[in-house]
């Protein structure tokens, strides 16, 4: 949803005629003989309960994203079938929430996105709220309420999707830029599985840098779901009384986003830069909530 909608996206990947996403397996997985996959509850069960608003979101977004994207997933099975999950993704297009939502949905969960409050205007607002999406009031003292809502959502066992960069990356080569630390606050103050996700491809449909929409039906959008980030030591320290200092939040944020960056390098088949592109000093059109200094994220 991050800036567009946070409902259920859809798309497909597969052969030219197929509409289902392709779940790619590594050679190691393919060669592993005699190993049985860990059993998971049926997806229809792990998506429950689906509200009427969520069904409407599915019905609206599914055909749109199915036309726009051919989805390819690597290690989608790493998304837990149950329990709280914080999905942390890079942001390459205003359209990538559609495909990212589909990643979560296709792997048996319902995504709840953080999104700027302006998206919730008009008749769409009640629908998005009823579908579990989380508005953020920018430039407001109540911006922290979005993190409180996201934390409560995680404590209820749901999946929250966050774009720590706050907006589409300004890096000319589409690598992640420096992120805000709201993601670290959520990661360190909940027991959620922190799942780094790299995405690549949606920028070919909408190029944010050039402000160009290029309708290319069934454009490949690739997703690599990483192993959960181990924050057990940091969480233990916080529970023991260590304050959420600026340094701890920055280090944790960079740790998580470095995982996302390295996974993006794997998707792209090229080395990643050593650091992160600087974040813009001012809000720009398309920025997501919590990107200004002192904001929630």
C-alpha atoms as a PDB file:
ATOM      1  CA  UNK A   1       0.000   0.000   0.000  1.00  0.00           C
ATOM      2  CA  UNK A   2       2.799   2.289   0.730  1.00  0.00           C
ATOM      3  CA  UNK A   3       1.432   5.349  -0.930  1.00  0.00           C
ATOM      4  CA  UNK A   4      -1.012   3.729  -3.345  1.00  0.00           C
ATOM      5  CA  UNK A   5      -3.136   1.132  -1.646  1.00  0.00           C
ATOM      6  CA  UNK A   6      -2.234  -1.460   0.838  1.00  0.00           C
ATOM      7  CA  UNK A   7      -4.836  -3.931  -0.089  1.00  0.00           C
ATOM      8  CA  UNK A   8      -4.197  -7.216  -1.758  1.00  0.00           C
ATOM      9  CA  UNK A   9      -2.310  -6.951  -4.950  1.00  0.00           C
ATOM     10  CA  UNK A  10      -2.197  -9.524  -7.620  1.00  0.00           C
ATOM     11  CA  UNK A  11      -0.208 -10.390 -10.577  1.00  0.00           C
ATOM     12  CA  UNK A  12       1.153 -13.453 -12.057  1.00  0.00           C
ATOM     13  CA  UNK A  13       4.232 -14.968 -13.248  1.00  0.00           C
ATOM     14  CA  UNK A  14       4.718 -17.990 -15.202  1.00  0.00           C
ATOM     15  CA  UNK A  15       4.520 -18.778 -18.818  1.00  0.00           C
ATOM     16  CA  UNK A  16       3.136 -16.313 -21.301  1.00  0.00           C
ATOM     17  CA  UNK A  17      -0.320 -17.764 -20.976  1.00  0.00           C
ATOM     18  CA  UNK A  18      -0.191 -18.519 -17.254  1.00  0.00           C
ATOM     19  CA  UNK A  19      -1.195 -16.065 -14.583  1.00  0.00           C
ATOM     20  CA  UNK A  20       0.158 -17.732 -11.487  1.00  0.00           C
ATOM     21  CA  UNK A  21       3.392 -16.582  -9.915  1.00  0.00           C
ATOM     22  CA  UNK A  22       6.528 -18.604 -10.385  1.00  0.00           C
ATOM     23  CA  UNK A  23       8.113 -19.869  -7.191  1.00  0.00           C
ATOM     24  CA  UNK A  24      11.738 -20.362  -8.117  1.00  0.00           C
ATOM     25  CA  UNK A  25      13.911 -22.824  -6.233  1.00  0.00           C
ATOM     26  CA  UNK A  26      17.644 -22.775  -5.792  1.00  0.00           C
ATOM     27  CA  UNK A  27      19.811 -25.620  -7.137  1.00  0.00           C
ATOM     28  CA  UNK A  28      20.458 -26.699  -3.558  1.00  0.00           C
ATOM     29  CA  UNK A  29      16.754 -27.052  -2.900  1.00  0.00           C
ATOM     30  CA  UNK A  30      16.209 -28.870  -6.162  1.00  0.00           C
ATOM     31  CA  UNK A  31      19.060 -31.277  -5.488  1.00  0.00           C
ATOM     32  CA  UNK A  32      18.039 -32.029  -1.933  1.00  0.00           C
ATOM     33  CA  UNK A  33      16.760 -35.598  -2.068  1.00  0.00           C
ATOM     34  CA  UNK A  34      14.628 -37.200   0.555  1.00  0.00           C
ATOM     35  CA  UNK A  35      13.852 -33.926   2.325  1.00  0.00           C
ATOM     36  CA  UNK A  36      10.211 -33.154   2.839  1.00  0.00           C
ATOM     37  CA  UNK A  37       9.052 -29.548   3.030  1.00  0.00           C
ATOM     38  CA  UNK A  38       7.837 -28.306   6.371  1.00  0.00           C
ATOM     39  CA  UNK A  39       4.082 -28.698   6.519  1.00  0.00           C
ATOM     40  CA  UNK A  40       2.059 -25.497   6.526  1.00  0.00           C
ATOM     41  CA  UNK A  41      -1.615 -24.911   7.163  1.00  0.00           C
ATOM     42  CA  UNK A  42      -3.697 -24.409   4.012  1.00  0.00           C
ATOM     43  CA  UNK A  43      -3.461 -20.862   2.664  1.00  0.00           C
ATOM     44  CA  UNK A  44      -7.203 -20.354   2.834  1.00  0.00           C
ATOM     45  CA  UNK A  45      -6.932 -20.968   6.551  1.00  0.00           C
ATOM     46  CA  UNK A  46      -3.894 -18.758   7.261  1.00  0.00           C
ATOM     47  CA  UNK A  47      -5.550 -15.851   5.439  1.00  0.00           C
ATOM     48  CA  UNK A  48      -8.529 -15.921   7.780  1.00  0.00           C
ATOM     49  CA  UNK A  49     -10.412 -13.896   8.696  1.00  0.00           C
ATOM     50  CA  UNK A  50     -10.902 -12.015   5.414  1.00  0.00           C
ATOM     51  CA  UNK A  51     -13.212  -9.065   5.857  1.00  0.00           C
ATOM     52  CA  UNK A  52     -15.601  -7.843   3.182  1.00  0.00           C
ATOM     53  CA  UNK A  53     -13.326  -4.856   2.667  1.00  0.00           C
ATOM     54  CA  UNK A  54     -10.377  -7.145   2.026  1.00  0.00           C
ATOM     55  CA  UNK A  55     -12.394  -9.184  -0.465  1.00  0.00           C
ATOM     56  CA  UNK A  56     -13.245  -5.963  -2.302  1.00  0.00           C
ATOM     57  CA  UNK A  57      -9.559  -5.017  -2.343  1.00  0.00           C
ATOM     58  CA  UNK A  58      -8.714  -8.421  -3.786  1.00  0.00           C
ATOM     59  CA  UNK A  59     -11.384  -8.100  -6.462  1.00  0.00           C
ATOM     60  CA  UNK A  60     -10.190  -4.639  -7.505  1.00  0.00           C
ATOM     61  CA  UNK A  61      -6.423  -5.038  -7.370  1.00  0.00           C
ATOM     62  CA  UNK A  62      -6.062  -8.640  -8.556  1.00  0.00           C
ATOM     63  CA  UNK A  63      -6.885  -8.043 -12.249  1.00  0.00           C
ATOM     64  CA  UNK A  64      -4.860  -4.838 -12.343  1.00  0.00           C
ATOM     65  CA  UNK A  65      -1.687  -6.362 -10.988  1.00  0.00           C
ATOM     66  CA  UNK A  66      -2.255  -9.539 -13.008  1.00  0.00           C
ATOM     67  CA  UNK A  67      -2.068  -7.423 -16.153  1.00  0.00           C
ATOM     68  CA  UNK A  68       0.876  -5.330 -15.012  1.00  0.00           C
ATOM     69  CA  UNK A  69       3.197  -7.931 -13.532  1.00  0.00           C
ATOM     70  CA  UNK A  70       4.605 -11.396 -14.085  1.00  0.00           C
ATOM     71  CA  UNK A  71       5.640 -12.286 -10.561  1.00  0.00           C
ATOM     72  CA  UNK A  72       8.627 -14.437  -9.720  1.00  0.00           C
ATOM     73  CA  UNK A  73       9.201 -15.409  -6.090  1.00  0.00           C
ATOM     74  CA  UNK A  74      12.319 -16.816  -4.536  1.00  0.00           C
ATOM     75  CA  UNK A  75      11.854 -18.403  -1.123  1.00  0.00           C
ATOM     76  CA  UNK A  76       8.294 -17.255  -0.626  1.00  0.00           C
ATOM     77  CA  UNK A  77       7.948 -20.182   1.740  1.00  0.00           C
ATOM     78  CA  UNK A  78      10.036 -18.234   4.244  1.00  0.00           C
ATOM     79  CA  UNK A  79       6.981 -16.148   5.052  1.00  0.00           C
ATOM     80  CA  UNK A  80       5.596 -17.842   8.175  1.00  0.00           C
ATOM     81  CA  UNK A  81       2.090 -19.217   7.832  1.00  0.00           C
ATOM     82  CA  UNK A  82       1.116 -17.897  11.235  1.00  0.00           C
ATOM     83  CA  UNK A  83       2.259 -15.353  13.792  1.00  0.00           C
ATOM     84  CA  UNK A  84       3.466 -11.751  13.591  1.00  0.00           C
ATOM     85  CA  UNK A  85       5.682 -10.838  10.651  1.00  0.00           C
ATOM     86  CA  UNK A  86       7.324  -7.516   9.824  1.00  0.00           C
ATOM     87  CA  UNK A  87       8.022  -7.504   6.082  1.00  0.00           C
ATOM     88  CA  UNK A  88      10.761  -4.993   5.252  1.00  0.00           C
ATOM     89  CA  UNK A  89      11.115  -4.102   1.571  1.00  0.00           C
ATOM     90  CA  UNK A  90      12.985  -1.699  -0.675  1.00  0.00           C
ATOM     91  CA  UNK A  91      10.903   0.758  -2.696  1.00  0.00           C
ATOM     92  CA  UNK A  92      11.458   1.143  -6.445  1.00  0.00           C
ATOM     93  CA  UNK A  93       8.067   2.262  -7.755  1.00  0.00           C
ATOM     94  CA  UNK A  94       4.756   3.705  -6.646  1.00  0.00           C
ATOM     95  CA  UNK A  95       3.274   0.547  -8.152  1.00  0.00           C
ATOM     96  CA  UNK A  96       5.359  -2.001  -6.268  1.00  0.00           C
ATOM     97  CA  UNK A  97       2.923  -2.212  -3.324  1.00  0.00           C
ATOM     98  CA  UNK A  98       0.558  -4.030  -5.692  1.00  0.00           C
ATOM     99  CA  UNK A  99       3.114  -6.727  -6.399  1.00  0.00           C
ATOM    100  CA  UNK A 100       4.457  -6.830  -2.836  1.00  0.00           C
ATOM    101  CA  UNK A 101       0.941  -7.324  -1.510  1.00  0.00           C
ATOM    102  CA  UNK A 102       0.560 -10.236  -3.879  1.00  0.00           C
ATOM    103  CA  UNK A 103       3.759 -11.797  -2.584  1.00  0.00           C
ATOM    104  CA  UNK A 104       2.297 -11.846   0.902  1.00  0.00           C
ATOM    105  CA  UNK A 105      -1.153 -12.965  -0.220  1.00  0.00           C
ATOM    106  CA  UNK A 106       0.106 -15.730  -2.498  1.00  0.00           C
ATOM    107  CA  UNK A 107       2.069 -17.157   0.389  1.00  0.00           C
ATOM    108  CA  UNK A 108      -0.959 -17.401   2.595  1.00  0.00           C
ATOM    109  CA  UNK A 109      -1.105 -14.162   4.593  1.00  0.00           C
ATOM    110  CA  UNK A 110      -2.909 -10.820   4.483  1.00  0.00           C
ATOM    111  CA  UNK A 111      -0.675  -7.730   4.209  1.00  0.00           C
ATOM    112  CA  UNK A 112      -1.293  -4.576   6.239  1.00  0.00           C
ATOM    113  CA  UNK A 113       0.647  -1.618   4.836  1.00  0.00           C
ATOM    114  CA  UNK A 114       1.621   1.660   6.423  1.00  0.00           C
ATOM    115  CA  UNK A 115       0.481   4.455   4.088  1.00  0.00           C
ATOM    116  CA  UNK A 116       0.227   8.208   4.074  1.00  0.00           C
ATOM    117  CA  UNK A 117      -3.013   9.581   5.418  1.00  0.00           C
ATOM    118  CA  UNK A 118      -3.921  11.340   2.168  1.00  0.00           C
ATOM    119  CA  UNK A 119      -4.560   7.934   0.596  1.00  0.00           C
ATOM    120  CA  UNK A 120      -7.440   7.459   3.014  1.00  0.00           C
ATOM    121  CA  UNK A 121      -9.535  10.334   1.709  1.00  0.00           C
ATOM    122  CA  UNK A 122     -13.060   9.932   0.392  1.00  0.00           C
ATOM    123  CA  UNK A 123     -14.867   6.624   0.128  1.00  0.00           C
ATOM    124  CA  UNK A 124     -11.574   4.761  -0.178  1.00  0.00           C
ATOM    125  CA  UNK A 125     -10.563   5.604   3.385  1.00  0.00           C
ATOM    126  CA  UNK A 126     -13.141   3.499   5.220  1.00  0.00           C
ATOM    127  CA  UNK A 127     -12.462   0.615   2.831  1.00  0.00           C
ATOM    128  CA  UNK A 128      -8.729   0.686   3.453  1.00  0.00           C
ATOM    129  CA  UNK A 129      -9.138   0.950   7.199  1.00  0.00           C
ATOM    130  CA  UNK A 130     -11.582  -1.930   7.209  1.00  0.00           C
ATOM    131  CA  UNK A 131      -9.031  -3.923   5.193  1.00  0.00           C
ATOM    132  CA  UNK A 132      -6.484  -3.420   7.978  1.00  0.00           C
ATOM    133  CA  UNK A 133      -4.311  -0.763   6.355  1.00  0.00           C
ATOM    134  CA  UNK A 134      -2.626   1.762   8.627  1.00  0.00           C
ATOM    135  CA  UNK A 135      -2.741   5.530   7.929  1.00  0.00           C
ATOM    136  CA  UNK A 136       0.083   7.808   9.019  1.00  0.00           C
ATOM    137  CA  UNK A 137      -0.419  11.528   9.618  1.00  0.00           C
ATOM    138  CA  UNK A 138       2.695  13.272   8.345  1.00  0.00           C
ATOM    139  CA  UNK A 139       3.960  16.542   9.818  1.00  0.00           C
ATOM    140  CA  UNK A 140       1.862  15.836  12.891  1.00  0.00           C
ATOM    141  CA  UNK A 141       2.399  15.160  16.567  1.00  0.00           C
ATOM    142  CA  UNK A 142       0.174  12.117  16.097  1.00  0.00           C
ATOM    143  CA  UNK A 143       2.522  10.508  13.561  1.00  0.00           C
ATOM    144  CA  UNK A 144       3.733   8.147  16.280  1.00  0.00           C
ATOM    145  CA  UNK A 145       0.220   6.704  16.438  1.00  0.00           C
ATOM    146  CA  UNK A 146       0.937   4.844  13.197  1.00  0.00           C
ATOM    147  CA  UNK A 147       3.786   2.955  14.828  1.00  0.00           C
ATOM    148  CA  UNK A 148       1.575   2.229  17.824  1.00  0.00           C
ATOM    149  CA  UNK A 149      -1.081   0.861  15.472  1.00  0.00           C
ATOM    150  CA  UNK A 150       1.492  -1.213  13.590  1.00  0.00           C
ATOM    151  CA  UNK A 151       2.858  -2.558  16.866  1.00  0.00           C
ATOM    152  CA  UNK A 152      -0.645  -3.545  17.981  1.00  0.00           C
ATOM    153  CA  UNK A 153      -1.238  -5.187  14.618  1.00  0.00           C
ATOM    154  CA  UNK A 154       1.912  -7.258  15.032  1.00  0.00           C
ATOM    155  CA  UNK A 155       0.998  -8.182  18.588  1.00  0.00           C
ATOM    156  CA  UNK A 156      -2.317  -9.452  17.191  1.00  0.00           C
ATOM    157  CA  UNK A 157      -0.343 -11.853  14.987  1.00  0.00           C
ATOM    158  CA  UNK A 158      -0.691 -10.072  11.653  1.00  0.00           C
ATOM    159  CA  UNK A 159       1.676  -9.197   8.795  1.00  0.00           C
ATOM    160  CA  UNK A 160       2.790  -5.578   8.564  1.00  0.00           C
ATOM    161  CA  UNK A 161       4.641  -4.352   5.468  1.00  0.00           C
ATOM    162  CA  UNK A 162       6.920  -1.342   5.805  1.00  0.00           C
ATOM    163  CA  UNK A 163       9.105   0.581   3.365  1.00  0.00           C
ATOM    164  CA  UNK A 164      11.782   2.055   5.664  1.00  0.00           C
ATOM    165  CA  UNK A 165      13.056   4.375   2.935  1.00  0.00           C
ATOM    166  CA  UNK A 166       9.751   6.213   3.212  1.00  0.00           C
ATOM    167  CA  UNK A 167       9.487   6.825  -0.516  1.00  0.00           C
ATOM    168  CA  UNK A 168      10.719   5.522  -3.822  1.00  0.00           C
ATOM    169  CA  UNK A 169      14.506   5.480  -3.708  1.00  0.00           C
ATOM    170  CA  UNK A 170      16.249   8.526  -5.116  1.00  0.00           C
ATOM    171  CA  UNK A 171      19.347   6.497  -5.983  1.00  0.00           C
ATOM    172  CA  UNK A 172      19.820   6.874  -9.764  1.00  0.00           C
ATOM    173  CA  UNK A 173      20.679   3.167  -9.976  1.00  0.00           C
ATOM    174  CA  UNK A 174      17.677   2.117  -7.839  1.00  0.00           C
ATOM    175  CA  UNK A 175      19.660   0.874  -4.841  1.00  0.00           C
ATOM    176  CA  UNK A 176      18.090   1.507  -1.416  1.00  0.00           C
ATOM    177  CA  UNK A 177      18.666   4.918   0.118  1.00  0.00           C
ATOM    178  CA  UNK A 178      19.176   5.672   3.784  1.00  0.00           C
ATOM    179  CA  UNK A 179      16.142   4.575   5.773  1.00  0.00           C
ATOM    180  CA  UNK A 180      14.231   5.998   8.702  1.00  0.00           C
ATOM    181  CA  UNK A 181      14.397   4.173  12.000  1.00  0.00           C
ATOM    182  CA  UNK A 182      10.735   3.377  12.602  1.00  0.00           C
ATOM    183  CA  UNK A 183      11.393  -0.119  11.314  1.00  0.00           C
ATOM    184  CA  UNK A 184      13.938  -0.642  14.104  1.00  0.00           C
ATOM    185  CA  UNK A 185      11.463   0.536  16.739  1.00  0.00           C
ATOM    186  CA  UNK A 186       8.946  -2.035  15.559  1.00  0.00           C
ATOM    187  CA  UNK A 187      11.556  -4.765  15.235  1.00  0.00           C
ATOM    188  CA  UNK A 188      13.018  -4.222  18.710  1.00  0.00           C
ATOM    189  CA  UNK A 189       9.784  -3.759  20.650  1.00  0.00           C
ATOM    190  CA  UNK A 190       7.846  -6.741  19.270  1.00  0.00           C
ATOM    191  CA  UNK A 191       8.437 -10.447  18.832  1.00  0.00           C
ATOM    192  CA  UNK A 192       7.631 -10.305  15.122  1.00  0.00           C
ATOM    193  CA  UNK A 193       9.664 -12.223  12.585  1.00  0.00           C
ATOM    194  CA  UNK A 194      11.640  -9.562  10.698  1.00  0.00           C
ATOM    195  CA  UNK A 195      11.674 -10.644   7.072  1.00  0.00           C
ATOM    196  CA  UNK A 196      13.846  -8.745   4.555  1.00  0.00           C
ATOM    197  CA  UNK A 197      12.383  -8.661   1.052  1.00  0.00           C
ATOM    198  CA  UNK A 198      14.090  -7.360  -2.092  1.00  0.00           C
ATOM    199  CA  UNK A 199      12.011  -6.409  -5.108  1.00  0.00           C
ATOM    200  CA  UNK A 200      13.078  -5.550  -8.635  1.00  0.00           C
ATOM    201  CA  UNK A 201      11.112  -4.841 -11.789  1.00  0.00           C
ATOM    202  CA  UNK A 202       8.099  -2.607 -11.008  1.00  0.00           C
ATOM    203  CA  UNK A 203      10.190   0.476 -11.836  1.00  0.00           C
ATOM    204  CA  UNK A 204      10.049  -0.609 -15.468  1.00  0.00           C
ATOM    205  CA  UNK A 205       6.322   0.127 -15.478  1.00  0.00           C
ATOM    206  CA  UNK A 206       6.433   3.408 -13.570  1.00  0.00           C
ATOM    207  CA  UNK A 207       9.768   5.214 -13.602  1.00  0.00           C
ATOM    208  CA  UNK A 208       9.569   7.552 -10.645  1.00  0.00           C
ATOM    209  CA  UNK A 209      12.796   9.327 -11.513  1.00  0.00           C
ATOM    210  CA  UNK A 210      11.592  10.316 -14.973  1.00  0.00           C
ATOM    211  CA  UNK A 211       7.936  10.594 -13.966  1.00  0.00           C
ATOM    212  CA  UNK A 212       6.990   8.204 -16.767  1.00  0.00           C
ATOM    213  CA  UNK A 213       4.312   5.541 -16.844  1.00  0.00           C
ATOM    214  CA  UNK A 214       5.141   2.882 -19.408  1.00  0.00           C
ATOM    215  CA  UNK A 215       2.362   0.367 -19.713  1.00  0.00           C
ATOM    216  CA  UNK A 216       4.112  -2.907 -20.382  1.00  0.00           C
ATOM    217  CA  UNK A 217       1.744  -5.736 -19.721  1.00  0.00           C
ATOM    218  CA  UNK A 218       3.095  -8.635 -17.692  1.00  0.00           C
ATOM    219  CA  UNK A 219       6.380  -6.959 -16.804  1.00  0.00           C
ATOM    220  CA  UNK A 220       8.534  -9.272 -14.721  1.00  0.00           C
ATOM    221  CA  UNK A 221       8.683  -8.347 -11.043  1.00  0.00           C
ATOM    222  CA  UNK A 222      11.115 -10.420  -8.993  1.00  0.00           C
ATOM    223  CA  UNK A 223      11.043 -10.971  -5.250  1.00  0.00           C
ATOM    224  CA  UNK A 224      13.644 -12.522  -2.998  1.00  0.00           C
ATOM    225  CA  UNK A 225      12.554 -13.283   0.552  1.00  0.00           C
ATOM    226  CA  UNK A 226      15.528 -13.537   2.868  1.00  0.00           C
ATOM    227  CA  UNK A 227      16.075 -15.448   6.059  1.00  0.00           C
ATOM    228  CA  UNK A 228      14.631 -13.705   9.132  1.00  0.00           C
ATOM    229  CA  UNK A 229      16.983 -11.148  10.656  1.00  0.00           C
ATOM    230  CA  UNK A 230      18.317 -12.357  14.003  1.00  0.00           C
ATOM    231  CA  UNK A 231      17.748  -9.555  16.503  1.00  0.00           C
ATOM    232  CA  UNK A 232      17.672 -11.732  19.610  1.00  0.00           C
ATOM    233  CA  UNK A 233      20.664 -10.029  21.221  1.00  0.00           C
ATOM    234  CA  UNK A 234      19.343  -6.513  20.594  1.00  0.00           C
ATOM    235  CA  UNK A 235      15.875  -7.428  21.838  1.00  0.00           C
ATOM    236  CA  UNK A 236      17.289  -9.006  24.976  1.00  0.00           C
ATOM    237  CA  UNK A 237      19.287  -5.865  25.688  1.00  0.00           C
ATOM    238  CA  UNK A 238      16.223  -3.663  25.249  1.00  0.00           C
ATOM    239  CA  UNK A 239      14.173  -5.875  27.551  1.00  0.00           C
ATOM    240  CA  UNK A 240      16.976  -5.669  30.097  1.00  0.00           C
ATOM    241  CA  UNK A 241      16.629  -1.901  30.141  1.00  0.00           C
ATOM    242  CA  UNK A 242      18.850  -0.616  27.332  1.00  0.00           C
ATOM    243  CA  UNK A 243      17.228   2.533  25.928  1.00  0.00           C
ATOM    244  CA  UNK A 244      16.242   2.829  22.289  1.00  0.00           C
ATOM    245  CA  UNK A 245      19.065   5.230  21.573  1.00  0.00           C
ATOM    246  CA  UNK A 246      19.631   6.935  18.247  1.00  0.00           C
ATOM    247  CA  UNK A 247      22.721   4.764  17.740  1.00  0.00           C
ATOM    248  CA  UNK A 248      20.886   1.498  18.446  1.00  0.00           C
ATOM    249  CA  UNK A 249      17.999   2.416  16.156  1.00  0.00           C
ATOM    250  CA  UNK A 250      20.355   3.454  13.358  1.00  0.00           C
ATOM    251  CA  UNK A 251      22.496   0.335  13.662  1.00  0.00           C
ATOM    252  CA  UNK A 252      19.460  -1.940  13.674  1.00  0.00           C
ATOM    253  CA  UNK A 253      17.880  -0.166  10.729  1.00  0.00           C
ATOM    254  CA  UNK A 254      21.088  -0.383   8.694  1.00  0.00           C
ATOM    255  CA  UNK A 255      21.490  -4.053   9.602  1.00  0.00           C
ATOM    256  CA  UNK A 256      18.030  -4.887   8.287  1.00  0.00           C
ATOM    257  CA  UNK A 257      18.348  -2.751   5.161  1.00  0.00           C
ATOM    258  CA  UNK A 258      21.811  -4.096   4.367  1.00  0.00           C
ATOM    259  CA  UNK A 259      20.188  -7.510   4.144  1.00  0.00           C
ATOM    260  CA  UNK A 260      17.587  -6.105   1.758  1.00  0.00           C
ATOM    261  CA  UNK A 261      20.321  -4.426  -0.288  1.00  0.00           C
ATOM    262  CA  UNK A 262      22.381  -7.616  -0.550  1.00  0.00           C
ATOM    263  CA  UNK A 263      19.324  -9.597  -1.641  1.00  0.00           C
ATOM    264  CA  UNK A 264      18.630  -6.963  -4.288  1.00  0.00           C
ATOM    265  CA  UNK A 265      22.178  -7.431  -5.542  1.00  0.00           C
ATOM    266  CA  UNK A 266      21.476 -11.144  -5.877  1.00  0.00           C
ATOM    267  CA  UNK A 267      18.305 -10.453  -7.843  1.00  0.00           C
ATOM    268  CA  UNK A 268      20.093  -8.029 -10.137  1.00  0.00           C
ATOM    269  CA  UNK A 269      23.206 -10.166 -10.508  1.00  0.00           C
ATOM    270  CA  UNK A 270      25.579  -7.318  -9.735  1.00  0.00           C
ATOM    271  CA  UNK A 271      27.487  -6.085  -6.685  1.00  0.00           C
ATOM    272  CA  UNK A 272      25.735  -3.758  -4.285  1.00  0.00           C
ATOM    273  CA  UNK A 273      27.216  -0.415  -3.224  1.00  0.00           C
ATOM    274  CA  UNK A 274      28.891  -0.329   0.162  1.00  0.00           C
ATOM    275  CA  UNK A 275      26.561   2.270   1.640  1.00  0.00           C
ATOM    276  CA  UNK A 276      23.159   3.830   1.149  1.00  0.00           C
ATOM    277  CA  UNK A 277      22.167   6.743  -1.053  1.00  0.00           C
ATOM    278  CA  UNK A 278      21.457   9.884   1.026  1.00  0.00           C
ATOM    279  CA  UNK A 279      17.835  10.505   1.848  1.00  0.00           C
ATOM    280  CA  UNK A 280      16.410  13.767   0.438  1.00  0.00           C
ATOM    281  CA  UNK A 281      16.437  16.598   2.950  1.00  0.00           C
ATOM    282  CA  UNK A 282      12.882  17.611   2.125  1.00  0.00           C
ATOM    283  CA  UNK A 283       9.627  15.820   1.396  1.00  0.00           C
ATOM    284  CA  UNK A 284       9.004  15.244  -2.288  1.00  0.00           C
ATOM    285  CA  UNK A 285       5.870  14.137  -4.139  1.00  0.00           C
ATOM    286  CA  UNK A 286       5.402  10.436  -3.611  1.00  0.00           C
ATOM    287  CA  UNK A 287       7.142  10.306  -0.245  1.00  0.00           C
ATOM    288  CA  UNK A 288       5.586   7.946   2.240  1.00  0.00           C
ATOM    289  CA  UNK A 289       4.702   8.746   5.822  1.00  0.00           C
ATOM    290  CA  UNK A 290       7.360   9.145   8.432  1.00  0.00           C
ATOM    291  CA  UNK A 291      10.175  10.392   6.199  1.00  0.00           C
ATOM    292  CA  UNK A 292      10.867  13.731   7.814  1.00  0.00           C
ATOM    293  CA  UNK A 293      13.155  14.252  10.736  1.00  0.00           C
ATOM    294  CA  UNK A 294      11.401  13.590  13.995  1.00  0.00           C
ATOM    295  CA  UNK A 295       8.611  11.615  12.395  1.00  0.00           C
ATOM    296  CA  UNK A 296       7.456   8.183  13.334  1.00  0.00           C
ATOM    297  CA  UNK A 297       9.350   6.262  10.760  1.00  0.00           C
END
